[in-house]
Amino acid sequence: MLICMMRPRARLKPLTLTRAEQEQLERWVRDCRGRRALAVRARIVLACQAACSNRETAKRLRVTPQTVGKWRTRYLAQGMQGLADRTRTGAPRSISDALVAAVLAKTLHHKPPDAVRWSSRRLGATLGVSQRTVLRIWRTFGL
């Protein structure tokens, strides 16, 4: 348990954790299966339970005060679910589901003329897509 050395600021809301939440956060801190980001978030929430300032908590955990503030706020607003990774936006998909289905169907159910199996170049030329697109689809589905 972290003990706050500085006097807590009045505007910081101390976190109150249930016994189950505290145990779950401690499990995440001990978890060593590569989910380091979740362990750091759990440490932050556990440290914020002592109502320390974001700056002091950040200094002890070697993160920025903004990081502490972000996860404190998310926990207060959403609880344990707020600590999970959110889906990130990115560029929209350029390959449609229909194209993926066509590549898979041709690959798995049809033989090319005069060959035993499809090459990525030949299949791409047949369907009007690049070789790279065919290779990405194959890699995604383990073909």
C-alpha atoms as a PDB file:
ATOM      1  CA  MET A   1       0.000   0.000   0.000  1.00  0.00           C
ATOM      2  CA  LEU A   2       1.265   3.435  -0.942  1.00  0.00           C
ATOM      3  CA  ILE A   3       1.344   6.075   1.771  1.00  0.00           C
ATOM      4  CA  CYS A   4       1.072   9.653   0.609  1.00  0.00           C
ATOM      5  CA  MET A   5       3.905  11.878   1.837  1.00  0.00           C
ATOM      6  CA  MET A   6       2.345  15.131   0.730  1.00  0.00           C
ATOM      7  CA  ARG A   7      -0.911  16.532   1.913  1.00  0.00           C
ATOM      8  CA  PRO A   8      -3.620  15.559  -0.634  1.00  0.00           C
ATOM      9  CA  ARG A   9      -5.124  18.362  -2.651  1.00  0.00           C
ATOM     10  CA  ALA A  10      -8.754  19.139  -1.984  1.00  0.00           C
ATOM     11  CA  ARG A  11      -9.767  18.797  -5.630  1.00  0.00           C
ATOM     12  CA  LEU A  12      -8.396  15.275  -6.029  1.00  0.00           C
ATOM     13  CA  LYS A  13     -11.031  12.704  -5.407  1.00  0.00           C
ATOM     14  CA  PRO A  14      -9.652   9.705  -3.488  1.00  0.00           C
ATOM     15  CA  LEU A  15     -10.447   6.400  -5.076  1.00  0.00           C
ATOM     16  CA  THR A  16     -12.417   3.909  -3.066  1.00  0.00           C
ATOM     17  CA  LEU A  17     -11.948   0.349  -4.193  1.00  0.00           C
ATOM     18  CA  THR A  18     -14.012  -2.644  -3.235  1.00  0.00           C
ATOM     19  CA  ARG A  19     -12.158  -5.681  -1.971  1.00  0.00           C
ATOM     20  CA  ALA A  20     -12.797  -7.510  -5.261  1.00  0.00           C
ATOM     21  CA  GLU A  21     -11.513  -4.571  -7.322  1.00  0.00           C
ATOM     22  CA  GLN A  22      -8.396  -4.273  -5.212  1.00  0.00           C
ATOM     23  CA  GLU A  23      -7.679  -7.992  -5.548  1.00  0.00           C
ATOM     24  CA  GLN A  24      -8.207  -7.835  -9.330  1.00  0.00           C
ATOM     25  CA  LEU A  25      -5.868  -4.839  -9.652  1.00  0.00           C
ATOM     26  CA  GLU A  26      -3.219  -6.593  -7.562  1.00  0.00           C
ATOM     27  CA  ARG A  27      -3.559  -9.657  -9.820  1.00  0.00           C
ATOM     28  CA  TRP A  28      -2.991  -7.443 -12.875  1.00  0.00           C
ATOM     29  CA  VAL A  29       0.103  -5.951 -11.248  1.00  0.00           C
ATOM     30  CA  ARG A  30       1.537  -9.442 -10.626  1.00  0.00           C
ATOM     31  CA  ASP A  31       0.539 -10.738 -14.066  1.00  0.00           C
ATOM     32  CA  CYS A  32       3.686 -11.267 -16.110  1.00  0.00           C
ATOM     33  CA  ARG A  33       2.170 -12.423 -19.412  1.00  0.00           C
ATOM     34  CA  GLY A  34       3.111  -9.378 -21.429  1.00  0.00           C
ATOM     35  CA  ARG A  35       0.250  -7.069 -20.430  1.00  0.00           C
ATOM     36  CA  ARG A  36       2.592  -4.430 -19.052  1.00  0.00           C
ATOM     37  CA  ALA A  37       0.332  -1.495 -19.911  1.00  0.00           C
ATOM     38  CA  LEU A  38      -2.530  -2.946 -17.878  1.00  0.00           C
ATOM     39  CA  ALA A  39      -0.176  -3.580 -14.954  1.00  0.00           C
ATOM     40  CA  VAL A  40       0.966   0.056 -15.014  1.00  0.00           C
ATOM     41  CA  ARG A  41      -2.660   1.239 -15.040  1.00  0.00           C
ATOM     42  CA  ALA A  42      -3.454  -1.035 -12.103  1.00  0.00           C
ATOM     43  CA  ARG A  43      -0.464   0.338 -10.163  1.00  0.00           C
ATOM     44  CA  ILE A  44      -1.671   3.880 -10.839  1.00  0.00           C
ATOM     45  CA  VAL A  45      -5.172   3.172  -9.556  1.00  0.00           C
ATOM     46  CA  LEU A  46      -3.829   1.400  -6.474  1.00  0.00           C
ATOM     47  CA  ALA A  47      -1.522   4.340  -5.776  1.00  0.00           C
ATOM     48  CA  CYS A  48      -4.357   6.834  -6.274  1.00  0.00           C
ATOM     49  CA  GLN A  49      -6.294   5.054  -3.550  1.00  0.00           C
ATOM     50  CA  ALA A  50      -4.011   6.839  -1.061  1.00  0.00           C
ATOM     51  CA  ALA A  51      -5.267  10.211  -2.412  1.00  0.00           C
ATOM     52  CA  CYS A  52      -1.766  11.394  -3.339  1.00  0.00           C
ATOM     53  CA  SER A  53      -1.332  14.123  -5.906  1.00  0.00           C
ATOM     54  CA  ASN A  54      -0.882  13.068  -9.495  1.00  0.00           C
ATOM     55  CA  ARG A  55       2.636  14.516  -9.438  1.00  0.00           C
ATOM     56  CA  GLU A  56       3.716  12.469  -6.410  1.00  0.00           C
ATOM     57  CA  THR A  57       2.114   9.296  -7.739  1.00  0.00           C
ATOM     58  CA  ALA A  58       3.788   9.850 -11.108  1.00  0.00           C
ATOM     59  CA  LYS A  59       7.164  10.373  -9.473  1.00  0.00           C
ATOM     60  CA  ARG A  60       6.876   7.163  -7.453  1.00  0.00           C
ATOM     61  CA  LEU A  61       5.712   5.080 -10.423  1.00  0.00           C
ATOM     62  CA  ARG A  62       8.013   6.784 -12.948  1.00  0.00           C
ATOM     63  CA  VAL A  63       5.290   7.901 -15.312  1.00  0.00           C
ATOM     64  CA  THR A  64       4.078  11.381 -16.239  1.00  0.00           C
ATOM     65  CA  PRO A  65       1.507  13.250 -14.146  1.00  0.00           C
ATOM     66  CA  GLN A  66      -0.708  13.382 -17.245  1.00  0.00           C
ATOM     67  CA  THR A  67      -0.711   9.579 -17.395  1.00  0.00           C
ATOM     68  CA  VAL A  68      -1.758   9.365 -13.751  1.00  0.00           C
ATOM     69  CA  GLY A  69      -4.497  11.931 -14.320  1.00  0.00           C
ATOM     70  CA  LYS A  70      -5.785  10.105 -17.382  1.00  0.00           C
ATOM     71  CA  TRP A  71      -6.142   6.741 -15.651  1.00  0.00           C
ATOM     72  CA  ARG A  72      -7.482   8.232 -12.408  1.00  0.00           C
ATOM     73  CA  THR A  73     -10.178  10.049 -14.391  1.00  0.00           C
ATOM     74  CA  ARG A  74     -11.015   6.996 -16.491  1.00  0.00           C
ATOM     75  CA  TYR A  75     -11.317   4.821 -13.402  1.00  0.00           C
ATOM     76  CA  LEU A  76     -13.600   7.333 -11.668  1.00  0.00           C
ATOM     77  CA  ALA A  77     -15.798   7.620 -14.757  1.00  0.00           C
ATOM     78  CA  GLN A  78     -15.939   3.991 -15.907  1.00  0.00           C
ATOM     79  CA  GLY A  79     -14.580   1.797 -13.142  1.00  0.00           C
ATOM     80  CA  MET A  80     -12.511  -1.268 -13.992  1.00  0.00           C
ATOM     81  CA  GLN A  81     -13.725  -1.262 -17.603  1.00  0.00           C
ATOM     82  CA  GLY A  82     -12.092   2.140 -18.084  1.00  0.00           C
ATOM     83  CA  LEU A  83      -8.639   0.588 -17.660  1.00  0.00           C
ATOM     84  CA  ALA A  84      -8.986  -1.699 -20.683  1.00  0.00           C
ATOM     85  CA  ASP A  85      -7.586  -0.733 -24.068  1.00  0.00           C
ATOM     86  CA  ARG A  86     -10.031   0.995 -26.348  1.00  0.00           C
ATOM     87  CA  THR A  87     -10.286   0.103 -29.983  1.00  0.00           C
ATOM     88  CA  ARG A  88      -8.250   2.504 -32.015  1.00  0.00           C
ATOM     89  CA  THR A  89      -9.325   4.169 -35.169  1.00  0.00           C
ATOM     90  CA  GLY A  90      -7.287   3.849 -38.280  1.00  0.00           C
ATOM     91  CA  ALA A  91      -7.574   3.958 -42.008  1.00  0.00           C
ATOM     92  CA  PRO A  92     -10.719   2.302 -43.334  1.00  0.00           C
ATOM     93  CA  ARG A  93     -10.332  -1.144 -44.813  1.00  0.00           C
ATOM     94  CA  SER A  94      -9.499  -1.103 -48.495  1.00  0.00           C
ATOM     95  CA  ILE A  95     -10.265  -4.794 -49.004  1.00  0.00           C
ATOM     96  CA  SER A  96     -13.943  -5.707 -48.896  1.00  0.00           C
ATOM     97  CA  ASP A  97     -15.370  -8.850 -47.351  1.00  0.00           C
ATOM     98  CA  ALA A  98     -16.543  -9.940 -50.795  1.00  0.00           C
ATOM     99  CA  LEU A  99     -12.996  -9.747 -52.154  1.00  0.00           C
ATOM    100  CA  VAL A 100     -11.641 -11.713 -49.196  1.00  0.00           C
ATOM    101  CA  ALA A 101     -14.312 -14.363 -49.757  1.00  0.00           C
ATOM    102  CA  ALA A 102     -13.489 -14.521 -53.481  1.00  0.00           C
ATOM    103  CA  VAL A 103      -9.760 -14.970 -52.822  1.00  0.00           C
ATOM    104  CA  LEU A 104     -10.423 -17.693 -50.254  1.00  0.00           C
ATOM    105  CA  ALA A 105     -12.945 -19.486 -52.470  1.00  0.00           C
ATOM    106  CA  LYS A 106     -10.638 -19.470 -55.490  1.00  0.00           C
ATOM    107  CA  THR A 107      -7.661 -20.562 -53.387  1.00  0.00           C
ATOM    108  CA  LEU A 108      -9.408 -23.398 -51.597  1.00  0.00           C
ATOM    109  CA  HIS A 109     -11.969 -24.686 -54.108  1.00  0.00           C
ATOM    110  CA  HIS A 110     -10.683 -24.030 -57.624  1.00  0.00           C
ATOM    111  CA  LYS A 111      -7.485 -25.146 -59.317  1.00  0.00           C
ATOM    112  CA  PRO A 112      -5.839 -22.851 -61.825  1.00  0.00           C
ATOM    113  CA  PRO A 113      -5.542 -24.059 -65.402  1.00  0.00           C
ATOM    114  CA  ASP A 114      -2.232 -25.843 -66.064  1.00  0.00           C
ATOM    115  CA  ALA A 115      -1.065 -25.718 -62.432  1.00  0.00           C
ATOM    116  CA  VAL A 116      -1.452 -27.576 -59.154  1.00  0.00           C
ATOM    117  CA  ARG A 117      -2.133 -24.497 -57.027  1.00  0.00           C
ATOM    118  CA  TRP A 118      -2.525 -20.763 -57.308  1.00  0.00           C
ATOM    119  CA  SER A 119       0.407 -18.419 -57.166  1.00  0.00           C
ATOM    120  CA  SER A 120      -0.265 -15.052 -55.595  1.00  0.00           C
ATOM    121  CA  ARG A 121       0.541 -13.280 -58.876  1.00  0.00           C
ATOM    122  CA  ARG A 122      -1.726 -15.453 -60.965  1.00  0.00           C
ATOM    123  CA  LEU A 123      -4.629 -15.258 -58.506  1.00  0.00           C
ATOM    124  CA  GLY A 124      -4.211 -11.494 -58.208  1.00  0.00           C
ATOM    125  CA  ALA A 125      -4.247 -11.100 -61.996  1.00  0.00           C
ATOM    126  CA  THR A 126      -7.326 -13.326 -62.269  1.00  0.00           C
ATOM    127  CA  LEU A 127      -9.286 -11.344 -59.654  1.00  0.00           C
ATOM    128  CA  GLY A 128      -7.928  -7.936 -60.641  1.00  0.00           C
ATOM    129  CA  VAL A 129      -6.067  -7.197 -57.400  1.00  0.00           C
ATOM    130  CA  SER A 130      -2.398  -6.910 -56.527  1.00  0.00           C
ATOM    131  CA  GLN A 131      -0.204  -9.810 -55.540  1.00  0.00           C
ATOM    132  CA  ARG A 132       0.361  -8.088 -52.213  1.00  0.00           C
ATOM    133  CA  THR A 133      -3.381  -8.066 -51.486  1.00  0.00           C
ATOM    134  CA  VAL A 134      -3.578 -11.803 -52.127  1.00  0.00           C
ATOM    135  CA  LEU A 135      -0.567 -12.412 -49.889  1.00  0.00           C
ATOM    136  CA  ARG A 136      -2.071 -10.347 -47.039  1.00  0.00           C
ATOM    137  CA  ILE A 137      -5.327 -12.312 -47.218  1.00  0.00           C
ATOM    138  CA  TRP A 138      -3.476 -15.626 -47.285  1.00  0.00           C
ATOM    139  CA  ARG A 139      -1.311 -14.595 -44.334  1.00  0.00           C
ATOM    140  CA  THR A 140      -4.325 -13.477 -42.338  1.00  0.00           C
ATOM    141  CA  PHE A 141      -6.024 -16.844 -42.804  1.00  0.00           C
ATOM    142  CA  GLY A 142      -2.861 -18.930 -42.477  1.00  0.00           C
ATOM    143  CA  LEU A 143      -2.768 -20.182 -46.059  1.00  0.00           C
END
